[in-house]
PDB file of N, CA and C in Angstrom:
ATOM      1  N   MET A   1     -44.874   0.450  30.240  1.00  0.00           N
ATOM      2  CA  MET A   1     -43.893   1.262  30.972  1.00  0.00           C
ATOM      3  C   MET A   1     -43.600   0.528  32.292  1.00  0.00           C
ATOM      4  N   ASN A   2     -42.348   0.561  32.664  1.00  0.00           N
ATOM      5  CA  ASN A   2     -41.907   0.015  33.935  1.00  0.00           C
ATOM      6  C   ASN A   2     -41.852   1.120  34.953  1.00  0.00           C
ATOM      7  N   ILE A   3     -42.531   0.957  36.088  1.00  0.00           N
ATOM      8  CA  ILE A   3     -42.625   2.020  37.115  1.00  0.00           C
ATOM      9  C   ILE A   3     -41.923   1.543  38.393  1.00  0.00           C
ATOM     10  N   TYR A   4     -41.106   2.424  38.913  1.00  0.00           N
ATOM     11  CA  TYR A   4     -40.407   2.156  40.186  1.00  0.00           C
ATOM     12  C   TYR A   4     -41.239   2.751  41.333  1.00  0.00           C
ATOM     13  N   VAL A   5     -41.454   1.961  42.364  1.00  0.00           N
ATOM     14  CA  VAL A   5     -42.206   2.389  43.524  1.00  0.00           C
ATOM     15  C   VAL A   5     -41.379   2.159  44.762  1.00  0.00           C
ATOM     16  N   ALA A   6     -41.115   3.206  45.524  1.00  0.00           N
ATOM     17  CA  ALA A   6     -40.350   3.142  46.754  1.00  0.00           C
ATOM     18  C   ALA A   6     -41.193   3.537  47.946  1.00  0.00           C
ATOM     19  N   ASN A   7     -40.649   3.232  49.129  1.00  0.00           N
ATOM     20  CA  ASN A   7     -41.329   3.535  50.406  1.00  0.00           C
ATOM     21  C   ASN A   7     -42.597   2.744  50.597  1.00  0.00           C
ATOM     22  N   ILE A   8     -42.567   1.533  50.085  1.00  0.00           N
ATOM     23  CA  ILE A   8     -43.712   0.600  50.234  1.00  0.00           C
ATOM     24  C   ILE A   8     -43.689   0.051  51.648  1.00  0.00           C
ATOM     25  N   PRO A   9     -44.818   0.032  52.328  1.00  0.00           N
ATOM     26  CA  PRO A   9     -44.849  -0.564  53.676  1.00  0.00           C
ATOM     27  C   PRO A   9     -44.400  -2.007  53.645  1.00  0.00           C
ATOM     28  N   PHE A  10     -43.699  -2.449  54.669  1.00  0.00           N
ATOM     29  CA  PHE A  10     -43.160  -3.812  54.687  1.00  0.00           C
ATOM     30  C   PHE A  10     -44.263  -4.849  54.735  1.00  0.00           C
ATOM     31  N   LYS A  11     -45.444  -4.471  55.236  1.00  0.00           N
ATOM     32  CA  LYS A  11     -46.586  -5.448  55.315  1.00  0.00           C
ATOM     33  C   LYS A  11     -47.369  -5.560  54.040  1.00  0.00           C
ATOM     34  N   ALA A  12     -47.083  -4.735  53.052  1.00  0.00           N
ATOM     35  CA  ALA A  12     -47.832  -4.738  51.786  1.00  0.00           C
ATOM     36  C   ALA A  12     -47.464  -5.953  50.952  1.00  0.00           C
ATOM     37  N   THR A  13     -48.441  -6.393  50.154  1.00  0.00           N
ATOM     38  CA  THR A  13     -48.174  -7.531  49.226  1.00  0.00           C
ATOM     39  C   THR A  13     -48.146  -7.052  47.791  1.00  0.00           C
ATOM     40  N   SER A  14     -47.612  -7.843  46.920  1.00  0.00           N
ATOM     41  CA  SER A  14     -47.595  -7.538  45.467  1.00  0.00           C
ATOM     42  C   SER A  14     -49.004  -7.350  44.950  1.00  0.00           C
ATOM     43  N   ASP A  15     -49.919  -8.169  45.409  1.00  0.00           N
ATOM     44  CA  ASP A  15     -51.336  -8.037  44.976  1.00  0.00           C
ATOM     45  C   ASP A  15     -51.929  -6.720  45.409  1.00  0.00           C
ATOM     46  N   GLN A  16     -51.588  -6.247  46.583  1.00  0.00           N
ATOM     47  CA  GLN A  16     -52.162  -4.960  47.046  1.00  0.00           C
ATOM     48  C   GLN A  16     -51.530  -3.829  46.195  1.00  0.00           C
ATOM     49  N   LEU A  17     -50.239  -3.937  45.875  1.00  0.00           N
ATOM     50  CA  LEU A  17     -49.588  -2.937  45.035  1.00  0.00           C
ATOM     51  C   LEU A  17     -50.265  -2.952  43.627  1.00  0.00           C
ATOM     52  N   LYS A  18     -50.501  -4.096  43.089  1.00  0.00           N
ATOM     53  CA  LYS A  18     -51.166  -4.242  41.815  1.00  0.00           C
ATOM     54  C   LYS A  18     -52.541  -3.589  41.839  1.00  0.00           C
ATOM     55  N   GLY A  19     -53.297  -3.834  42.890  1.00  0.00           N
ATOM     56  CA  GLY A  19     -54.627  -3.272  43.021  1.00  0.00           C
ATOM     57  C   GLY A  19     -54.616  -1.764  43.034  1.00  0.00           C
ATOM     58  N   LEU A  20     -53.619  -1.199  43.678  1.00  0.00           N
ATOM     59  CA  LEU A  20     -53.454   0.281  43.726  1.00  0.00           C
ATOM     60  C   LEU A  20     -53.345   0.869  42.351  1.00  0.00           C
ATOM     61  N   PHE A  21     -52.509   0.213  41.510  1.00  0.00           N
ATOM     62  CA  PHE A  21     -52.277   0.740  40.164  1.00  0.00           C
ATOM     63  C   PHE A  21     -53.377   0.371  39.172  1.00  0.00           C
ATOM     64  N   GLU A  22     -54.172  -0.663  39.450  1.00  0.00           N
ATOM     65  CA  GLU A  22     -55.241  -1.074  38.535  1.00  0.00           C
ATOM     66  C   GLU A  22     -56.331  -0.007  38.430  1.00  0.00           C
ATOM     67  N   ALA A  23     -56.402   0.905  39.382  1.00  0.00           N
ATOM     68  CA  ALA A  23     -57.380   1.980  39.318  1.00  0.00           C
ATOM     69  C   ALA A  23     -57.104   2.906  38.124  1.00  0.00           C
ATOM     70  N   PHE A  24     -55.873   2.804  37.558  1.00  0.00           N
ATOM     71  CA  PHE A  24     -55.482   3.689  36.452  1.00  0.00           C
ATOM     72  C   PHE A  24     -55.412   2.965  35.114  1.00  0.00           C
ATOM     73  N   GLY A  25     -55.524   1.647  35.116  1.00  0.00           N
ATOM     74  CA  GLY A  25     -55.442   0.878  33.887  1.00  0.00           C
ATOM     75  C   GLY A  25     -54.919  -0.524  34.144  1.00  0.00           C
ATOM     76  N   GLU A  26     -54.761  -1.271  33.088  1.00  0.00           N
ATOM     77  CA  GLU A  26     -54.327  -2.677  33.140  1.00  0.00           C
ATOM     78  C   GLU A  26     -52.886  -2.755  33.633  1.00  0.00           C
ATOM     79  N   VAL A  27     -52.653  -3.621  34.607  1.00  0.00           N
ATOM     80  CA  VAL A  27     -51.309  -3.831  35.144  1.00  0.00           C
ATOM     81  C   VAL A  27     -50.794  -5.187  34.675  1.00  0.00           C
ATOM     82  N   SER A  28     -49.654  -5.179  33.947  1.00  0.00           N
ATOM     83  CA  SER A  28     -49.096  -6.451  33.431  1.00  0.00           C
ATOM     84  C   SER A  28     -48.477  -7.240  34.576  1.00  0.00           C
ATOM     85  N   SER A  29     -47.766  -6.574  35.476  1.00  0.00           N
ATOM     86  CA  SER A  29     -47.185  -7.209  36.619  1.00  0.00           C
ATOM     87  C   SER A  29     -46.886  -6.216  37.720  1.00  0.00           C
ATOM     88  N   ALA A  30     -46.827  -6.695  38.928  1.00  0.00           N
ATOM     89  CA  ALA A  30     -46.456  -5.910  40.111  1.00  0.00           C
ATOM     90  C   ALA A  30     -45.671  -6.804  41.025  1.00  0.00           C
ATOM     91  N   LYS A  31     -44.501  -6.309  41.411  1.00  0.00           N
ATOM     92  CA  LYS A  31     -43.621  -7.129  42.212  1.00  0.00           C
ATOM     93  C   LYS A  31     -42.920  -6.324  43.286  1.00  0.00           C
ATOM     94  N   ILE A  32     -42.995  -6.730  44.505  1.00  0.00           N
ATOM     95  CA  ILE A  32     -42.252  -6.123  45.589  1.00  0.00           C
ATOM     96  C   ILE A  32     -40.976  -6.918  45.745  1.00  0.00           C
ATOM     97  N   ILE A  33     -39.843  -6.232  45.780  1.00  0.00           N
ATOM     98  CA  ILE A  33     -38.560  -6.886  45.852  1.00  0.00           C
ATOM     99  C   ILE A  33     -38.279  -7.395  47.272  1.00  0.00           C
ATOM    100  N   LEU A  34     -37.832  -8.641  47.330  1.00  0.00           N
ATOM    101  CA  LEU A  34     -37.572  -9.281  48.630  1.00  0.00           C
ATOM    102  C   LEU A  34     -36.067  -9.438  48.839  1.00  0.00           C
ATOM    103  N   ASP A  35     -35.704  -9.369  50.075  1.00  0.00           N
ATOM    104  CA  ASP A  35     -34.273  -9.655  50.458  1.00  0.00           C
ATOM    105  C   ASP A  35     -34.026 -11.142  50.197  1.00  0.00           C
ATOM    106  N   LYS A  36     -32.935 -11.452  49.514  1.00  0.00           N
ATOM    107  CA  LYS A  36     -32.718 -12.839  49.153  1.00  0.00           C
ATOM    108  C   LYS A  36     -32.370 -13.746  50.315  1.00  0.00           C
ATOM    109  N   PHE A  37     -31.955 -13.203  51.446  1.00  0.00           N
ATOM    110  CA  PHE A  37     -31.630 -14.044  52.558  1.00  0.00           C
ATOM    111  C   PHE A  37     -32.810 -14.201  53.564  1.00  0.00           C
ATOM    112  N   THR A  38     -33.472 -13.090  53.877  1.00  0.00           N
ATOM    113  CA  THR A  38     -34.569 -13.112  54.828  1.00  0.00           C
ATOM    114  C   THR A  38     -35.937 -13.291  54.228  1.00  0.00           C
ATOM    115  N   GLN A  39     -36.058 -13.079  52.891  1.00  0.00           N
ATOM    116  CA  GLN A  39     -37.315 -13.131  52.183  1.00  0.00           C
ATOM    117  C   GLN A  39     -38.335 -12.073  52.698  1.00  0.00           C
ATOM    118  N   ARG A  40     -37.808 -10.997  53.283  1.00  0.00           N
ATOM    119  CA  ARG A  40     -38.688  -9.904  53.712  1.00  0.00           C
ATOM    120  C   ARG A  40     -38.581  -8.780  52.700  1.00  0.00           C
ATOM    121  N   SER A  41     -39.648  -7.973  52.654  1.00  0.00           N
ATOM    122  CA  SER A  41     -39.714  -6.876  51.711  1.00  0.00           C
ATOM    123  C   SER A  41     -38.559  -5.901  51.930  1.00  0.00           C
ATOM    124  N   ARG A  42     -38.048  -5.394  50.815  1.00  0.00           N
ATOM    125  CA  ARG A  42     -37.012  -4.385  50.891  1.00  0.00           C
ATOM    126  C   ARG A  42     -37.561  -2.954  50.796  1.00  0.00           C
ATOM    127  N   GLY A  43     -38.915  -2.878  50.688  1.00  0.00           N
ATOM    128  CA  GLY A  43     -39.562  -1.572  50.698  1.00  0.00           C
ATOM    129  C   GLY A  43     -39.660  -0.890  49.329  1.00  0.00           C
ATOM    130  N   PHE A  44     -39.372  -1.612  48.287  1.00  0.00           N
ATOM    131  CA  PHE A  44     -39.547  -1.052  46.963  1.00  0.00           C
ATOM    132  C   PHE A  44     -39.952  -2.132  45.995  1.00  0.00           C
ATOM    133  N   GLY A  45     -40.427  -1.705  44.829  1.00  0.00           N
ATOM    134  CA  GLY A  45     -40.884  -2.694  43.831  1.00  0.00           C
ATOM    135  C   GLY A  45     -41.087  -2.076  42.483  1.00  0.00           C
ATOM    136  N   PHE A  46     -41.634  -2.855  41.559  1.00  0.00           N
ATOM    137  CA  PHE A  46     -41.809  -2.414  40.176  1.00  0.00           C
ATOM    138  C   PHE A  46     -43.231  -2.814  39.739  1.00  0.00           C
ATOM    139  N   VAL A  47     -43.827  -1.944  38.965  1.00  0.00           N
ATOM    140  CA  VAL A  47     -45.130  -2.180  38.366  1.00  0.00           C
ATOM    141  C   VAL A  47     -44.980  -1.971  36.873  1.00  0.00           C
ATOM    142  N   GLU A  48     -45.545  -2.864  36.096  1.00  0.00           N
ATOM    143  CA  GLU A  48     -45.502  -2.720  34.638  1.00  0.00           C
ATOM    144  C   GLU A  48     -46.919  -2.495  34.101  1.00  0.00           C
ATOM    145  N   MET A  49     -47.032  -1.450  33.283  1.00  0.00           N
ATOM    146  CA  MET A  49     -48.316  -1.108  32.659  1.00  0.00           C
ATOM    147  C   MET A  49     -48.039  -0.955  31.147  1.00  0.00           C
ATOM    148  N   ASN A  50     -48.870  -1.555  30.307  1.00  0.00           N
ATOM    149  CA  ASN A  50     -48.702  -1.503  28.846  1.00  0.00           C
ATOM    150  C   ASN A  50     -49.067  -0.116  28.272  1.00  0.00           C
ATOM    151  N   ASP A  51     -50.045   0.549  28.886  1.00  0.00           N
ATOM    152  CA  ASP A  51     -50.546   1.826  28.388  1.00  0.00           C
ATOM    153  C   ASP A  51     -49.697   2.978  29.034  1.00  0.00           C
ATOM    154  N   ASP A  52     -48.838   3.605  28.236  1.00  0.00           N
ATOM    155  CA  ASP A  52     -47.985   4.682  28.771  1.00  0.00           C
ATOM    156  C   ASP A  52     -48.778   5.871  29.330  1.00  0.00           C
ATOM    157  N   THR A  53     -49.950   6.188  28.718  1.00  0.00           N
ATOM    158  CA  THR A  53     -50.758   7.286  29.214  1.00  0.00           C
ATOM    159  C   THR A  53     -51.321   6.970  30.588  1.00  0.00           C
ATOM    160  N   ALA A  54     -51.790   5.774  30.781  1.00  0.00           N
ATOM    161  CA  ALA A  54     -52.331   5.340  32.094  1.00  0.00           C
ATOM    162  C   ALA A  54     -51.204   5.279  33.106  1.00  0.00           C
ATOM    163  N   ALA A  55     -50.011   4.812  32.665  1.00  0.00           N
ATOM    164  CA  ALA A  55     -48.883   4.733  33.595  1.00  0.00           C
ATOM    165  C   ALA A  55     -48.443   6.106  34.027  1.00  0.00           C
ATOM    166  N   ARG A  56     -48.411   7.093  33.136  1.00  0.00           N
ATOM    167  CA  ARG A  56     -48.002   8.468  33.502  1.00  0.00           C
ATOM    168  C   ARG A  56     -49.042   9.069  34.481  1.00  0.00           C
ATOM    169  N   GLN A  57     -50.324   8.771  34.254  1.00  0.00           N
ATOM    170  CA  GLN A  57     -51.347   9.279  35.142  1.00  0.00           C
ATOM    171  C   GLN A  57     -51.171   8.657  36.536  1.00  0.00           C
ATOM    172  N   ALA A  58     -50.903   7.335  36.568  1.00  0.00           N
ATOM    173  CA  ALA A  58     -50.645   6.682  37.857  1.00  0.00           C
ATOM    174  C   ALA A  58     -49.459   7.299  38.562  1.00  0.00           C
ATOM    175  N   ILE A  59     -48.356   7.536  37.838  1.00  0.00           N
ATOM    176  CA  ILE A  59     -47.198   8.142  38.445  1.00  0.00           C
ATOM    177  C   ILE A  59     -47.557   9.490  39.019  1.00  0.00           C
ATOM    178  N   ASP A  60     -48.209  10.320  38.261  1.00  0.00           N
ATOM    179  CA  ASP A  60     -48.551  11.672  38.697  1.00  0.00           C
ATOM    180  C   ASP A  60     -49.441  11.669  39.944  1.00  0.00           C
ATOM    181  N   GLU A  61     -50.408  10.770  39.999  1.00  0.00           N
ATOM    182  CA  GLU A  61     -51.376  10.752  41.069  1.00  0.00           C
ATOM    183  C   GLU A  61     -50.917   9.986  42.310  1.00  0.00           C
ATOM    184  N   LEU A  62     -50.071   8.973  42.098  1.00  0.00           N
ATOM    185  CA  LEU A  62     -49.653   8.156  43.256  1.00  0.00           C
ATOM    186  C   LEU A  62     -48.363   8.623  43.908  1.00  0.00           C
ATOM    187  N   ASN A  63     -47.545   9.376  43.197  1.00  0.00           N
ATOM    188  CA  ASN A  63     -46.314   9.880  43.798  1.00  0.00           C
ATOM    189  C   ASN A  63     -46.632  10.802  44.989  1.00  0.00           C
ATOM    190  N   GLY A  64     -46.176  10.463  46.159  1.00  0.00           N
ATOM    191  CA  GLY A  64     -46.421  11.240  47.330  1.00  0.00           C
ATOM    192  C   GLY A  64     -47.703  10.871  48.043  1.00  0.00           C
ATOM    193  N   SER A  65     -48.497   9.955  47.460  1.00  0.00           N
ATOM    194  CA  SER A  65     -49.759   9.572  48.096  1.00  0.00           C
ATOM    195  C   SER A  65     -49.567   8.587  49.207  1.00  0.00           C
ATOM    196  N   ASP A  66     -50.535   8.522  50.105  1.00  0.00           N
ATOM    197  CA  ASP A  66     -50.518   7.627  51.265  1.00  0.00           C
ATOM    198  C   ASP A  66     -50.946   6.229  50.817  1.00  0.00           C
ATOM    199  N   PHE A  67     -50.124   5.244  51.178  1.00  0.00           N
ATOM    200  CA  PHE A  67     -50.441   3.842  50.951  1.00  0.00           C
ATOM    201  C   PHE A  67     -50.126   3.080  52.228  1.00  0.00           C
ATOM    202  N   MET A  68     -51.170   2.666  52.935  1.00  0.00           N
ATOM    203  CA  MET A  68     -51.010   1.910  54.189  1.00  0.00           C
ATOM    204  C   MET A  68     -50.179   2.677  55.199  1.00  0.00           C
ATOM    205  N   GLY A  69     -50.319   3.993  55.230  1.00  0.00           N
ATOM    206  CA  GLY A  69     -49.641   4.801  56.232  1.00  0.00           C
ATOM    207  C   GLY A  69     -48.276   5.356  55.820  1.00  0.00           C
ATOM    208  N   LYS A  70     -47.843   5.108  54.586  1.00  0.00           N
ATOM    209  CA  LYS A  70     -46.557   5.628  54.135  1.00  0.00           C
ATOM    210  C   LYS A  70     -46.738   6.359  52.812  1.00  0.00           C
ATOM    211  N   ASN A  71     -45.994   7.414  52.613  1.00  0.00           N
ATOM    212  CA  ASN A  71     -46.069   8.209  51.369  1.00  0.00           C
ATOM    213  C   ASN A  71     -45.158   7.519  50.309  1.00  0.00           C
ATOM    214  N   LEU A  72     -45.773   7.117  49.222  1.00  0.00           N
ATOM    215  CA  LEU A  72     -45.060   6.403  48.145  1.00  0.00           C
ATOM    216  C   LEU A  72     -44.216   7.387  47.337  1.00  0.00           C
ATOM    217  N   VAL A  73     -43.094   6.858  46.802  1.00  0.00           N
ATOM    218  CA  VAL A  73     -42.284   7.548  45.830  1.00  0.00           C
ATOM    219  C   VAL A  73     -42.459   6.739  44.538  1.00  0.00           C
ATOM    220  N   VAL A  74     -43.030   7.382  43.536  1.00  0.00           N
ATOM    221  CA  VAL A  74     -43.383   6.682  42.283  1.00  0.00           C
ATOM    222  C   VAL A  74     -42.818   7.458  41.108  1.00  0.00           C
ATOM    223  N   ASN A  75     -42.029   6.766  40.275  1.00  0.00           N
ATOM    224  CA  ASN A  75     -41.523   7.382  39.041  1.00  0.00           C
ATOM    225  C   ASN A  75     -41.181   6.331  38.021  1.00  0.00           C
ATOM    226  N   GLU A  76     -40.908   6.791  36.805  1.00  0.00           N
ATOM    227  CA  GLU A  76     -40.571   5.837  35.724  1.00  0.00           C
ATOM    228  C   GLU A  76     -39.224   5.164  36.059  1.00  0.00           C
ATOM    229  N   ALA A  77     -39.221   3.852  35.945  1.00  0.00           N
ATOM    230  CA  ALA A  77     -37.982   3.101  36.237  1.00  0.00           C
ATOM    231  C   ALA A  77     -36.936   3.385  35.198  1.00  0.00           C
ATOM    232  N   ARG A  78     -35.691   3.510  35.637  1.00  0.00           N
ATOM    233  CA  ARG A  78     -34.570   3.680  34.694  1.00  0.00           C
ATOM    234  C   ARG A  78     -34.174   2.290  34.193  1.00  0.00           C
ATOM    235  N   PRO A  79     -33.721   2.196  32.960  1.00  0.00           N
ATOM    236  CA  PRO A  79     -33.299   0.899  32.439  1.00  0.00           C
ATOM    237  C   PRO A  79     -32.140   0.332  33.231  1.00  0.00           C
ATOM    238  N   ARG A  80     -32.126  -1.003  33.382  1.00  0.00           N
ATOM    239  CA  ARG A  80     -31.027  -1.666  34.053  1.00  0.00           C
ATOM    240  C   ARG A  80     -29.796  -1.597  33.209  1.00  0.00           C
ATOM    241  N   THR A  81     -28.655  -1.426  33.859  1.00  0.00           N
ATOM    242  CA  THR A  81     -27.404  -1.473  33.146  1.00  0.00           C
ATOM    243  C   THR A  81     -26.659  -2.770  33.491  1.00  0.00           C
ATOM    244  N   ASP A  82     -25.811  -3.206  32.625  1.00  0.00           N
ATOM    245  CA  ASP A  82     -25.032  -4.407  32.891  1.00  0.00           C
ATOM    246  C   ASP A  82     -23.746  -4.104  33.639  1.00  0.00           C
ATOM    247  N   ALA A  83     -23.523  -2.867  33.941  1.00  0.00           N
ATOM    248  CA  ALA A  83     -22.279  -2.458  34.643  1.00  0.00           C
ATOM    249  C   ALA A  83     -22.315  -3.067  36.029  1.00  0.00           C
ATOM    250  N   PRO A  84     -21.134  -3.498  36.502  1.00  0.00           N
ATOM    251  CA  PRO A  84     -21.117  -4.046  37.888  1.00  0.00           C
ATOM    252  C   PRO A  84     -21.394  -2.958  38.919  1.00  0.00           C
ATOM    253  N   ARG A  85     -22.002  -3.360  40.013  1.00  0.00           N
ATOM    254  CA  ARG A  85     -22.283  -2.413  41.070  1.00  0.00           C
ATOM    255  C   ARG A  85     -20.982  -2.013  41.743  1.00  0.00           C
ATOM    256  N   SER A  86     -20.958  -0.738  42.213  1.00  0.00           N
ATOM    257  CA  SER A  86     -19.777  -0.303  42.962  1.00  0.00           C
ATOM    258  C   SER A  86     -19.944  -0.749  44.386  1.00  0.00           C
ATOM    259  N   GLY A  87     -18.870  -0.718  45.121  1.00  0.00           N
ATOM    260  CA  GLY A  87     -18.904  -1.118  46.526  1.00  0.00           C
ATOM    261  C   GLY A  87     -18.009  -2.326  46.730  1.00  0.00           C
ATOM    262  N   GLY A  88     -17.685  -2.561  47.957  1.00  0.00           N
ATOM    263  CA  GLY A  88     -16.822  -3.666  48.285  1.00  0.00           C
ATOM    264  C   GLY A  88     -15.401  -3.384  47.883  1.00  0.00           C
ATOM    265  N   GLY A  89     -14.608  -4.416  47.897  1.00  0.00           N
ATOM    266  CA  GLY A  89     -13.179  -4.218  47.531  1.00  0.00           C
ATOM    267  C   GLY A  89     -12.449  -3.514  48.651  1.00  0.00           C
ATOM    268  N   ASN A  90     -11.123  -3.377  48.515  1.00  0.00           N
ATOM    269  CA  ASN A  90     -10.407  -2.736  49.563  1.00  0.00           C
ATOM    270  C   ASN A  90      -9.929  -1.334  49.163  1.00  0.00           C
ATOM    271  N   ARG A  91     -10.381  -0.853  48.036  1.00  0.00           N
ATOM    272  CA  ARG A  91     -10.097   0.524  47.602  1.00  0.00           C
ATOM    273  C   ARG A  91      -8.604   0.848  47.588  1.00  0.00           C
ATOM    274  N   GLY A  92      -7.805  -0.061  47.211  1.00  0.00           N
ATOM    275  CA  GLY A  92      -6.406   0.187  47.046  1.00  0.00           C
ATOM    276  C   GLY A  92      -5.570  -0.015  48.333  1.00  0.00           C
ATOM    277  N   GLY A  93      -6.279  -0.138  49.430  1.00  0.00           N
ATOM    278  CA  GLY A  93      -5.537  -0.407  50.706  1.00  0.00           C
ATOM    279  C   GLY A  93      -5.162  -1.857  50.783  1.00  0.00           C
ATOM    280  N   ASN A  94      -4.142  -2.172  51.503  1.00  0.00           N
ATOM    281  CA  ASN A  94      -3.726  -3.555  51.643  1.00  0.00           C
ATOM    282  C   ASN A  94      -4.054  -3.972  53.050  1.00  0.00           C
ATOM    283  N   PHE A  95      -5.349  -4.102  53.331  1.00  0.00           N
ATOM    284  CA  PHE A  95      -5.806  -4.352  54.646  1.00  0.00           C
ATOM    285  C   PHE A  95      -5.600  -5.768  55.143  1.00  0.00           C
ATOM    286  N   ASN A  96      -5.322  -6.678  54.236  1.00  0.00           N
ATOM    287  CA  ASN A  96      -5.117  -8.061  54.686  1.00  0.00           C
ATOM    288  C   ASN A  96      -3.629  -8.399  54.852  1.00  0.00           C
ATOM    289  N   ARG A  97      -2.787  -7.478  54.576  1.00  0.00           N
ATOM    290  CA  ARG A  97      -1.360  -7.731  54.746  1.00  0.00           C
ATOM    291  C   ARG A  97      -1.003  -7.780  56.251  1.00  0.00           C
ATOM    292  N   ARG A  98      -0.236  -8.767  56.610  1.00  0.00           N
ATOM    293  CA  ARG A  98       0.170  -8.876  57.980  1.00  0.00           C
ATOM    294  C   ARG A  98       1.532  -8.181  58.093  1.00  0.00           C
ATOM    295  N   ASN A  99       1.694  -7.369  59.089  1.00  0.00           N
ATOM    296  CA  ASN A  99       2.978  -6.691  59.328  1.00  0.00           C
ATOM    297  C   ASN A  99       3.717  -7.404  60.461  1.00  0.00           C
ATOM    298  N   TYR A 100       4.761  -8.135  60.118  1.00  0.00           N
ATOM    299  CA  TYR A 100       5.503  -8.882  61.125  1.00  0.00           C
ATOM    300  C   TYR A 100       6.780  -8.129  61.462  1.00  0.00           C
TER     301      TYR A 100
END
């Protein structure tokens, strides 16, 4: 199961996140997402656990729990979609037109 974890302290490492979830079972991977320009934590990440029962127990017990001074938000990750992200564009306005 892929687990989404939010509100991760910026000073936390992927290894510390992995260690937190290992108390509930084997962790396949743990990754804190970094900003591509600054390489600093974005405050969220993903943990993968092969055992769904252990993963659900981890979600139930860690959601809202204190981790390095912050309350984590933990839930099952939603599948990624290939749809483009919204945002950007000029939303129909012609903002680059020069009025002479």
